[in-house]
Every structure is written in C-alpha cells, then in structure tokens.
Amino acid sequence: MPLQDSYRVIGLMSGSSLDGVDIAYCTFTVSDGRWHFSIEQTTCVAYTQEWVQRLRSARDRDGRGLWHLHSAYGHLLGGMISQFVDDSGLRGKVDLISSHGHTIFHYPDQHYTTQIGDGASIAAITGIPVVCDLRSSDVALGGTGAPIVPIGDKLLFPDYSHLLNLGGIANVTVKAQQGIIAFDICTANQVLNHYAQQMGHEFDVNGHLAAGGNIHPELLHALNDLEYYKKAPPKSLDNGFTAEAILPLIDGYDVSARDKLATYTEHIAMQIWMQLDSIRTSLDTPAGMLATGGGAFNTYLIQRLGHYMDIQLVVPDANIVNYKEALIMALIGVLRLRGEVNILHSVTGAARSAIAGAVYLP
C-alpha cells in the first residue's frame, strides 16, 4: 500500500476473557505527523460454546492439533469479517484488515509467543489484505511482546498521561518523562468472570456480586504477595497465569464465590494503585487516566480504584471502552504497511523498536 493520508481499516481483537471477537471498522487520517481516528462501525461476535472450549483447551493440543486450530480459527475469523462487511455495506470500502488473533502461548523469556488465526486464510476468504502476527518481531528482538497498544495510546490519545485497560488482563500505559512505560499489571476479568460464572452469571454486572461480598484479608495478602508484582517493568503475563497461579491460590481458601469476587476486585484496585505508585517519581504532572475495556463498566471496581487513586479517572464513550484495542490493532496494521514503528522498545525492553506484523495479500 503506498503512503497516503487516509485509511479504512478493520481491526480485530480477541481477548483472554473469551467473550468473543471485537471487530471495528475505523478510519484514520494523518496530517503533519498527527493521527486522527473515527470508529465508524463495530460488532462483537460471541464465541459458541464449542469455540470457547477449543480455545480454552488449545494449550493442551499437540503440534498437529494446534496447527489445525490455527487454520480453522483463521477461517472462522474470515467468515466473521465477511459477514460484518456485508451486513455493514462495506464491500469495496476496506483497505486493510489487521488481526491480533487469539493468544495461546506467551513466553517471551523463552523467546516465543503464539497468536493463532491464519492470516492467509483471512485474506483468501475476505479478498482484503491482512496484517497479523503482531507480537513475534518484538519477542525475536528480546522484548516482552506486550503490551503492544502503547503506540496507539501515544498517537491517538495524546491528552492522557495514563491509559488503563481493564480486560481479561489489566495493563497500563504511562507517559513518563523518560518515555512511555507500559506493562501488564494483573489478571482481571479472567478471574472475575470465572467466579461470576460459578454463581450462574456470565459476568459480574456493574460489580454487584463483588459489592455484596466481604474482603478476606489473608487471601488478599497472599494475592498481593505473588512474585510477579515484585518485578519491575517491562513485564507481561501469559494467559496461563490465571489457571496456573491465581485460581489455585484463591481456591485454597474456604471462601464463598461472592467473597472471592470482593477480594479479587480489591486486589485489582490495589495492584493498579501500587504498581503506578512505584513509578510515580518518574512522571510529569498527571493529565488524567483513561479507563477502557470491559472492566470500565464495572462500577464497583471503578469505585474501589477511585478510593486508592488520586488521579482523575475518565471512562469514555462506550465505543472507545469496548473497541479501543481493536482500534489500535487497526492502527498497528496501518503503521506496518507504511513501514513505520508500531511496537515501542521502551515498553517491551527489546533491542530496538519494531515494524511488526506479517502481511498476506488476497
């Protein structure tokens, strides 16, 4: 794609909470190095229970089984996008698809990360160029491969000093004097959804279940004492952290599901506060924190965050809350085709900033 000053892109994001695929049709314009965006049309396509189980068990497959899932998932995404394009009247109006895929493994300390969703299949089914495999280049350069959204936080949201994503994993971007710092803080909706589902709810609407529970002090202390929180950035979490470290720890206590929700919600709020407080001395005057991701709708969690934080917390309109990550995936794809940096080494610790992503033409 030649350099141009406007782009029409579909961004895709599948998060660790397994609620579905976020699809956002976005337009971008760039003038004098400043980017502007509009989220034009969106949808979230829920996974069937069969696909939830296939993705949840993907880590246990052998090599042949995982590669088959990679192809099948690419076909699934291609079909979703084609349906979205047709339903939205976008045929012939999309320059690019940028797909995050779904993370199965993320072990940057062992030099690999795996996001399934075959880009060649998506391009063949949709007839639209595709950028995917967005993290591997950074990991190959010695980086953590996460978070990758800070480039979008920098270019699209210049008015905020802090940008917090409350998704399956909570992560943050901080614009500090020495550059951009970003890292995974803790698992969030992965855990909250797990215990809400034990109580017969898909998720904890507005945090009502947690608000009605009691905080268990010993469990809260044990959670806050986990080794990961003692590491300095850059750092990132694998999706397996919840199943391997968090849930066994919580379930080792004789505590009701409601009290587990209350305790873990408090843990999320405390970790966000403590992790940000640890880098406070490196910050310019804070200019507000933008909170997005599904957890931004959890009014009890936002209330508990407000109890600890002394920075203005802003929850934007629902389109940005729900689709900010898909929006930034779209931007990352555009930057890849422009040959411009889309992963920041100041965030990931890589040897240099990367122009990341594999390109597939239809």
Foldseek 3Di string as FASTA:
>chain_A
DEDDFKFWEWFWDDDLLQQFIKIWTKMWGADPRAIEMDGDDIDGDGDDPVVSVCLVCLLVDDPVSNVVVLAVQQLVVLVVVQVVCVVVVCVVPHAEYFYAAQWRWFDLVVLDTDHGHDQQNSCVSNVHKYWYPFQNVQSNLSFRSDDLLVVVCVRHVVQFQKEWEQAQWIKMWGQFPVGIAIETQGGHQNLQQVLVVVVVDNGCQLVPLLVPAAADVVLLVVVLPDPVLVDADPDYDISCCCVPPPPVSLVVDPGHSSNSNNRVLLSVLVRVLVNCVVCVVRHDPGREYEYAYPCVSNNVSVVSNVVRDPGHYDYDDNCCRHCVVSVSSRVLVVCLVNVHFRGQCVHTVGPGTDSGTDMHGD
